[in-house]
Amino acid sequence: MERFEFTEEYHLGLPDIDAQHARLFDLFNSLIEVEKRGAAREEICLVVDELVDYIDVHFKYEEWALHDCAYDNLEEHRAKHADFVRQTIDFDKAFRHHGEDLSWEILYFLRQWLVDHILVEDRQYVEAMKGARV
């Protein structure tokens, strides 16, 4: 799997959100890099921890901003975040506690979810946030 670049197509025009999305791409790329070079499980766990922690920070910020601008579909958006977090925790448990490998299948899932979420779900709230100047 190649590096995942945060190109113009992923920009929403919301500086704080765009910066957080760029950071998610960087962390995801770190995960690809440690997997590619066959790093020790401990190092992979550190990168996974950092990614999971930052996903939590980003989702909390995004949900706060959506609440602040009275976004109509906040609960649906929050539910999609919660579902992703559950799936990510399941992958983490399988890797960390059951000795499963961090497979390319999982990395593709994470990558595709992030792309779809930004390009489809997050684009739906842009006008609401810009209108509220969040």
N, C-alpha and C. Protein backbone atom coordinates (compact mmCIF):
# COMPACT_ATOMS: atom_id res chain seq x y z
N MET A 1 0.85 -1.17 0.00
CA MET A 1 0.00 0.00 0.00
C MET A 1 0.90 1.24 0.00
N GLU A 2 0.56 2.16 -0.84
CA GLU A 2 1.34 3.40 -0.96
C GLU A 2 0.89 4.43 0.08
N ARG A 3 1.76 5.42 0.27
CA ARG A 3 1.41 6.53 1.16
C ARG A 3 0.09 7.14 0.71
N PHE A 4 -0.57 7.73 1.64
CA PHE A 4 -1.89 8.28 1.46
C PHE A 4 -1.78 9.79 1.60
N GLU A 5 -1.82 10.50 0.48
CA GLU A 5 -1.57 11.94 0.49
C GLU A 5 -2.85 12.73 0.75
N PHE A 6 -2.73 13.75 1.56
CA PHE A 6 -3.83 14.65 1.85
C PHE A 6 -3.86 15.73 0.76
N THR A 7 -4.50 15.40 -0.34
CA THR A 7 -4.53 16.29 -1.50
C THR A 7 -5.71 17.27 -1.40
N GLU A 8 -5.76 18.17 -2.33
CA GLU A 8 -6.78 19.23 -2.36
C GLU A 8 -8.19 18.67 -2.31
N GLU A 9 -8.42 17.50 -2.92
CA GLU A 9 -9.77 16.95 -2.95
C GLU A 9 -10.32 16.65 -1.55
N TYR A 10 -9.44 16.50 -0.57
CA TYR A 10 -9.88 16.19 0.79
C TYR A 10 -10.08 17.45 1.65
N HIS A 11 -9.69 18.60 1.14
CA HIS A 11 -9.86 19.85 1.86
C HIS A 11 -11.33 20.24 1.87
N LEU A 12 -11.81 20.63 3.04
CA LEU A 12 -13.20 21.06 3.19
C LEU A 12 -13.32 22.58 3.25
N GLY A 13 -12.20 23.27 3.36
CA GLY A 13 -12.25 24.72 3.50
C GLY A 13 -12.52 25.16 4.93
N LEU A 14 -12.33 24.24 5.86
CA LEU A 14 -12.48 24.52 7.29
C LEU A 14 -11.11 24.27 7.91
N PRO A 15 -10.33 25.32 8.17
CA PRO A 15 -8.92 25.14 8.55
C PRO A 15 -8.66 24.17 9.70
N ASP A 16 -9.42 24.25 10.78
CA ASP A 16 -9.18 23.34 11.91
C ASP A 16 -9.45 21.89 11.53
N ILE A 17 -10.56 21.66 10.85
CA ILE A 17 -10.92 20.30 10.44
C ILE A 17 -9.91 19.78 9.41
N ASP A 18 -9.55 20.62 8.45
CA ASP A 18 -8.57 20.20 7.44
C ASP A 18 -7.24 19.83 8.09
N ALA A 19 -6.80 20.61 9.06
CA ALA A 19 -5.54 20.31 9.75
C ALA A 19 -5.63 18.98 10.49
N GLN A 20 -6.77 18.71 11.10
CA GLN A 20 -6.96 17.44 11.81
C GLN A 20 -7.00 16.27 10.82
N HIS A 21 -7.68 16.46 9.70
CA HIS A 21 -7.71 15.40 8.68
C HIS A 21 -6.31 15.12 8.15
N ALA A 22 -5.53 16.18 7.93
CA ALA A 22 -4.16 15.99 7.46
C ALA A 22 -3.35 15.19 8.48
N ARG A 23 -3.56 15.47 9.77
CA ARG A 23 -2.86 14.72 10.82
C ARG A 23 -3.28 13.25 10.82
N LEU A 24 -4.56 12.99 10.59
CA LEU A 24 -5.02 11.59 10.49
C LEU A 24 -4.33 10.88 9.33
N PHE A 25 -4.18 11.56 8.21
CA PHE A 25 -3.47 10.97 7.07
C PHE A 25 -2.03 10.66 7.46
N ASP A 26 -1.37 11.60 8.15
CA ASP A 26 0.02 11.37 8.58
C ASP A 26 0.13 10.15 9.50
N LEU A 27 -0.78 10.04 10.44
CA LEU A 27 -0.76 8.90 11.36
C LEU A 27 -1.04 7.60 10.63
N PHE A 28 -1.97 7.63 9.71
CA PHE A 28 -2.27 6.44 8.92
C PHE A 28 -1.03 6.03 8.11
N ASN A 29 -0.33 7.02 7.54
CA ASN A 29 0.89 6.72 6.79
C ASN A 29 1.97 6.12 7.69
N SER A 30 2.03 6.58 8.93
CA SER A 30 2.98 5.99 9.88
C SER A 30 2.66 4.52 10.11
N LEU A 31 1.38 4.20 10.18
CA LEU A 31 0.96 2.82 10.36
C LEU A 31 1.36 1.97 9.15
N ILE A 32 1.17 2.50 7.96
CA ILE A 32 1.58 1.80 6.73
C ILE A 32 3.09 1.55 6.76
N GLU A 33 3.84 2.58 7.15
CA GLU A 33 5.30 2.47 7.14
C GLU A 33 5.81 1.42 8.13
N VAL A 34 5.26 1.39 9.34
CA VAL A 34 5.75 0.38 10.30
C VAL A 34 5.36 -1.02 9.86
N GLU A 35 4.21 -1.15 9.24
CA GLU A 35 3.79 -2.46 8.74
C GLU A 35 4.67 -2.90 7.57
N LYS A 36 4.96 -1.98 6.66
CA LYS A 36 5.79 -2.30 5.49
C LYS A 36 7.18 -2.80 5.89
N ARG A 37 7.75 -2.17 6.89
CA ARG A 37 9.11 -2.56 7.26
C ARG A 37 9.16 -3.68 8.29
N GLY A 38 7.99 -4.21 8.63
CA GLY A 38 7.95 -5.35 9.53
C GLY A 38 8.38 -5.02 10.95
N ALA A 39 7.98 -3.87 11.42
CA ALA A 39 8.35 -3.43 12.77
C ALA A 39 7.82 -4.40 13.83
N ALA A 40 8.44 -4.33 14.98
CA ALA A 40 8.01 -5.16 16.11
C ALA A 40 6.60 -4.76 16.53
N ARG A 41 5.89 -5.73 17.11
CA ARG A 41 4.50 -5.47 17.56
C ARG A 41 4.42 -4.27 18.50
N GLU A 42 5.42 -4.12 19.37
CA GLU A 42 5.39 -3.01 20.32
C GLU A 42 5.39 -1.67 19.60
N GLU A 43 6.18 -1.55 18.54
CA GLU A 43 6.23 -0.30 17.79
C GLU A 43 4.91 -0.07 17.05
N ILE A 44 4.37 -1.13 16.48
CA ILE A 44 3.08 -1.02 15.79
C ILE A 44 2.00 -0.59 16.78
N CYS A 45 2.03 -1.17 17.98
CA CYS A 45 1.05 -0.80 19.01
C CYS A 45 1.14 0.68 19.37
N LEU A 46 2.34 1.22 19.44
CA LEU A 46 2.50 2.64 19.74
C LEU A 46 1.85 3.51 18.66
N VAL A 47 2.04 3.13 17.41
CA VAL A 47 1.46 3.89 16.31
C VAL A 47 -0.07 3.74 16.32
N VAL A 48 -0.54 2.53 16.56
CA VAL A 48 -1.99 2.30 16.64
C VAL A 48 -2.58 3.14 17.77
N ASP A 49 -1.91 3.16 18.92
CA ASP A 49 -2.38 3.96 20.06
C ASP A 49 -2.48 5.43 19.69
N GLU A 50 -1.46 5.93 19.03
CA GLU A 50 -1.46 7.34 18.65
C GLU A 50 -2.59 7.64 17.67
N LEU A 51 -2.80 6.75 16.72
CA LEU A 51 -3.89 6.93 15.74
C LEU A 51 -5.25 6.88 16.43
N VAL A 52 -5.46 5.89 17.28
CA VAL A 52 -6.75 5.75 17.97
C VAL A 52 -7.00 6.97 18.88
N ASP A 53 -5.97 7.41 19.59
CA ASP A 53 -6.12 8.59 20.45
C ASP A 53 -6.48 9.83 19.63
N TYR A 54 -5.84 9.98 18.48
CA TYR A 54 -6.11 11.17 17.67
C TYR A 54 -7.48 11.10 17.00
N ILE A 55 -7.91 9.91 16.63
CA ILE A 55 -9.26 9.76 16.10
C ILE A 55 -10.26 10.24 17.14
N ASP A 56 -10.05 9.88 18.39
CA ASP A 56 -10.93 10.33 19.48
C ASP A 56 -10.92 11.85 19.60
N VAL A 57 -9.75 12.46 19.58
CA VAL A 57 -9.64 13.92 19.66
C VAL A 57 -10.39 14.56 18.49
N HIS A 58 -10.15 14.06 17.30
CA HIS A 58 -10.79 14.64 16.11
C HIS A 58 -12.31 14.50 16.16
N PHE A 59 -12.79 13.30 16.48
CA PHE A 59 -14.24 13.10 16.52
C PHE A 59 -14.90 13.99 17.57
N LYS A 60 -14.28 14.12 18.73
CA LYS A 60 -14.85 14.99 19.76
C LYS A 60 -14.90 16.43 19.29
N TYR A 61 -13.83 16.89 18.66
CA TYR A 61 -13.82 18.26 18.16
C TYR A 61 -14.89 18.44 17.08
N GLU A 62 -14.94 17.53 16.14
CA GLU A 62 -15.90 17.64 15.05
C GLU A 62 -17.34 17.62 15.58
N GLU A 63 -17.62 16.74 16.51
CA GLU A 63 -18.97 16.66 17.08
C GLU A 63 -19.31 17.92 17.88
N TRP A 64 -18.34 18.47 18.59
CA TRP A 64 -18.55 19.73 19.29
C TRP A 64 -18.89 20.83 18.29
N ALA A 65 -18.12 20.92 17.20
CA ALA A 65 -18.35 21.95 16.18
C ALA A 65 -19.71 21.77 15.52
N LEU A 66 -20.09 20.53 15.27
CA LEU A 66 -21.40 20.27 14.66
C LEU A 66 -22.52 20.65 15.61
N HIS A 67 -22.34 20.38 16.88
CA HIS A 67 -23.32 20.80 17.88
C HIS A 67 -23.39 22.32 17.94
N ASP A 68 -22.24 22.96 17.93
CA ASP A 68 -22.16 24.41 18.03
C ASP A 68 -22.86 25.12 16.86
N CYS A 69 -22.83 24.50 15.68
CA CYS A 69 -23.48 25.12 14.53
C CYS A 69 -24.89 24.57 14.30
N ALA A 70 -25.40 23.80 15.26
CA ALA A 70 -26.76 23.24 15.21
C ALA A 70 -26.99 22.41 13.95
N TYR A 71 -26.01 21.57 13.63
CA TYR A 71 -26.09 20.72 12.45
C TYR A 71 -27.24 19.72 12.61
N ASP A 72 -28.12 19.67 11.64
CA ASP A 72 -29.32 18.83 11.71
C ASP A 72 -29.03 17.34 11.82
N ASN A 73 -27.96 16.89 11.20
CA ASN A 73 -27.67 15.45 11.17
C ASN A 73 -26.57 15.05 12.15
N LEU A 74 -26.45 15.79 13.24
CA LEU A 74 -25.40 15.51 14.22
C LEU A 74 -25.49 14.09 14.76
N GLU A 75 -26.66 13.65 15.16
CA GLU A 75 -26.77 12.31 15.76
C GLU A 75 -26.41 11.21 14.77
N GLU A 76 -26.79 11.37 13.53
CA GLU A 76 -26.41 10.39 12.51
C GLU A 76 -24.90 10.39 12.30
N HIS A 77 -24.32 11.57 12.26
CA HIS A 77 -22.87 11.69 12.09
C HIS A 77 -22.14 11.08 13.29
N ARG A 78 -22.65 11.38 14.48
CA ARG A 78 -22.07 10.83 15.72
C ARG A 78 -22.15 9.30 15.71
N ALA A 79 -23.26 8.75 15.24
CA ALA A 79 -23.43 7.30 15.19
C ALA A 79 -22.41 6.67 14.23
N LYS A 80 -22.12 7.33 13.12
CA LYS A 80 -21.10 6.81 12.19
C LYS A 80 -19.73 6.82 12.84
N HIS A 81 -19.44 7.87 13.59
CA HIS A 81 -18.17 7.91 14.33
C HIS A 81 -18.10 6.76 15.33
N ALA A 82 -19.18 6.56 16.07
CA ALA A 82 -19.20 5.50 17.09
C ALA A 82 -19.02 4.13 16.47
N ASP A 83 -19.64 3.91 15.33
CA ASP A 83 -19.50 2.63 14.63
C ASP A 83 -18.05 2.41 14.20
N PHE A 84 -17.42 3.44 13.67
CA PHE A 84 -16.02 3.34 13.25
C PHE A 84 -15.12 3.06 14.45
N VAL A 85 -15.37 3.75 15.56
CA VAL A 85 -14.58 3.53 16.77
C VAL A 85 -14.72 2.09 17.24
N ARG A 86 -15.94 1.56 17.22
CA ARG A 86 -16.16 0.15 17.62
C ARG A 86 -15.36 -0.79 16.72
N GLN A 87 -15.41 -0.56 15.43
CA GLN A 87 -14.67 -1.43 14.50
C GLN A 87 -13.16 -1.31 14.73
N THR A 88 -12.69 -0.10 14.96
CA THR A 88 -11.27 0.11 15.20
C THR A 88 -10.83 -0.58 16.49
N ILE A 89 -11.65 -0.49 17.53
CA ILE A 89 -11.34 -1.17 18.79
C ILE A 89 -11.30 -2.68 18.58
N ASP A 90 -12.23 -3.21 17.80
CA ASP A 90 -12.22 -4.65 17.50
C ASP A 90 -10.94 -5.06 16.81
N PHE A 91 -10.50 -4.27 15.82
CA PHE A 91 -9.25 -4.57 15.13
C PHE A 91 -8.08 -4.52 16.10
N ASP A 92 -8.07 -3.50 16.95
CA ASP A 92 -6.99 -3.33 17.92
C ASP A 92 -6.94 -4.51 18.88
N LYS A 93 -8.10 -4.93 19.37
CA LYS A 93 -8.14 -6.08 20.29
C LYS A 93 -7.63 -7.34 19.61
N ALA A 94 -8.07 -7.56 18.38
CA ALA A 94 -7.63 -8.75 17.65
C ALA A 94 -6.12 -8.74 17.46
N PHE A 95 -5.58 -7.58 17.18
CA PHE A 95 -4.13 -7.45 16.98
C PHE A 95 -3.38 -7.57 18.29
N ARG A 96 -3.81 -6.83 19.28
CA ARG A 96 -3.07 -6.70 20.54
C ARG A 96 -3.25 -7.90 21.46
N HIS A 97 -4.46 -8.43 21.54
CA HIS A 97 -4.75 -9.45 22.55
C HIS A 97 -4.90 -10.87 21.99
N HIS A 98 -5.11 -10.98 20.70
CA HIS A 98 -5.30 -12.31 20.12
C HIS A 98 -4.20 -12.69 19.14
N GLY A 99 -3.19 -11.84 19.03
CA GLY A 99 -2.03 -12.16 18.23
C GLY A 99 -2.23 -12.10 16.73
N GLU A 100 -3.35 -11.55 16.28
CA GLU A 100 -3.56 -11.45 14.84
C GLU A 100 -2.65 -10.39 14.25
N ASP A 101 -2.31 -10.57 12.99
CA ASP A 101 -1.50 -9.58 12.29
C ASP A 101 -2.34 -8.37 11.93
N LEU A 102 -1.66 -7.25 11.79
CA LEU A 102 -2.30 -6.05 11.28
C LEU A 102 -2.28 -6.20 9.76
N SER A 103 -3.34 -6.74 9.23
CA SER A 103 -3.35 -7.12 7.81
C SER A 103 -3.58 -5.92 6.91
N TRP A 104 -3.21 -6.11 5.66
CA TRP A 104 -3.46 -5.08 4.66
C TRP A 104 -4.96 -4.87 4.51
N GLU A 105 -5.73 -5.91 4.74
CA GLU A 105 -7.19 -5.80 4.65
C GLU A 105 -7.71 -4.76 5.67
N ILE A 106 -7.17 -4.79 6.86
CA ILE A 106 -7.57 -3.82 7.89
C ILE A 106 -7.12 -2.42 7.48
N LEU A 107 -5.89 -2.31 6.97
CA LEU A 107 -5.40 -1.00 6.54
C LEU A 107 -6.25 -0.44 5.41
N TYR A 108 -6.64 -1.29 4.46
CA TYR A 108 -7.51 -0.83 3.37
C TYR A 108 -8.86 -0.39 3.92
N PHE A 109 -9.39 -1.13 4.88
CA PHE A 109 -10.66 -0.74 5.48
C PHE A 109 -10.55 0.64 6.12
N LEU A 110 -9.52 0.86 6.93
CA LEU A 110 -9.33 2.14 7.60
C LEU A 110 -9.18 3.27 6.59
N ARG A 111 -8.38 3.02 5.57
CA ARG A 111 -8.16 4.04 4.53
C ARG A 111 -9.46 4.38 3.81
N GLN A 112 -10.18 3.35 3.41
CA GLN A 112 -11.42 3.58 2.65
C GLN A 112 -12.47 4.28 3.51
N TRP A 113 -12.54 3.92 4.77
CA TRP A 113 -13.51 4.58 5.65
C TRP A 113 -13.18 6.07 5.75
N LEU A 114 -11.90 6.38 5.95
CA LEU A 114 -11.49 7.78 6.09
C LEU A 114 -11.81 8.57 4.82
N VAL A 115 -11.48 8.00 3.66
CA VAL A 115 -11.77 8.67 2.39
C VAL A 115 -13.27 8.90 2.22
N ASP A 116 -14.04 7.84 2.38
CA ASP A 116 -15.50 7.96 2.21
C ASP A 116 -16.09 8.95 3.20
N HIS A 117 -15.61 8.91 4.43
CA HIS A 117 -16.17 9.78 5.46
C HIS A 117 -15.91 11.25 5.13
N ILE A 118 -14.69 11.56 4.72
CA ILE A 118 -14.37 12.96 4.39
C ILE A 118 -15.11 13.40 3.13
N LEU A 119 -15.04 12.58 2.08
CA LEU A 119 -15.60 13.00 0.79
C LEU A 119 -17.12 12.99 0.75
N VAL A 120 -17.75 12.18 1.58
CA VAL A 120 -19.22 12.10 1.56
C VAL A 120 -19.82 12.72 2.82
N GLU A 121 -19.55 12.11 3.96
CA GLU A 121 -20.20 12.54 5.21
C GLU A 121 -19.79 13.94 5.63
N ASP A 122 -18.48 14.20 5.68
CA ASP A 122 -18.02 15.49 6.17
C ASP A 122 -18.39 16.63 5.22
N ARG A 123 -18.42 16.36 3.94
CA ARG A 123 -18.81 17.41 2.98
C ARG A 123 -20.24 17.89 3.23
N GLN A 124 -21.06 17.06 3.83
CA GLN A 124 -22.46 17.44 4.07
C GLN A 124 -22.60 18.54 5.11
N TYR A 125 -21.62 18.71 6.00
CA TYR A 125 -21.76 19.73 7.04
C TYR A 125 -21.00 21.02 6.76
N VAL A 126 -20.28 21.08 5.67
CA VAL A 126 -19.42 22.23 5.39
C VAL A 126 -20.20 23.54 5.42
N GLU A 127 -21.30 23.60 4.70
CA GLU A 127 -22.05 24.86 4.64
C GLU A 127 -22.60 25.27 6.01
N ALA A 128 -23.04 24.30 6.78
CA ALA A 128 -23.54 24.61 8.13
C ALA A 128 -22.43 25.21 8.98
N MET A 129 -21.22 24.63 8.91
CA MET A 129 -20.11 25.14 9.71
C MET A 129 -19.64 26.50 9.21
N LYS A 130 -19.57 26.65 7.90
CA LYS A 130 -19.14 27.95 7.36
C LYS A 130 -20.15 29.02 7.72
N GLY A 131 -21.44 28.69 7.67
CA GLY A 131 -22.48 29.64 8.03
C GLY A 131 -22.40 30.06 9.49
N ALA A 132 -21.98 29.12 10.33
CA ALA A 132 -21.86 29.41 11.77
C ALA A 132 -20.46 29.95 12.11
N ARG A 133 -19.56 29.92 11.14
CA ARG A 133 -18.17 30.37 11.32
C ARG A 133 -17.46 29.62 12.43
N VAL A 134 -17.61 28.31 12.41
CA VAL A 134 -16.95 27.46 13.40
C VAL A 134 -15.51 27.26 12.99
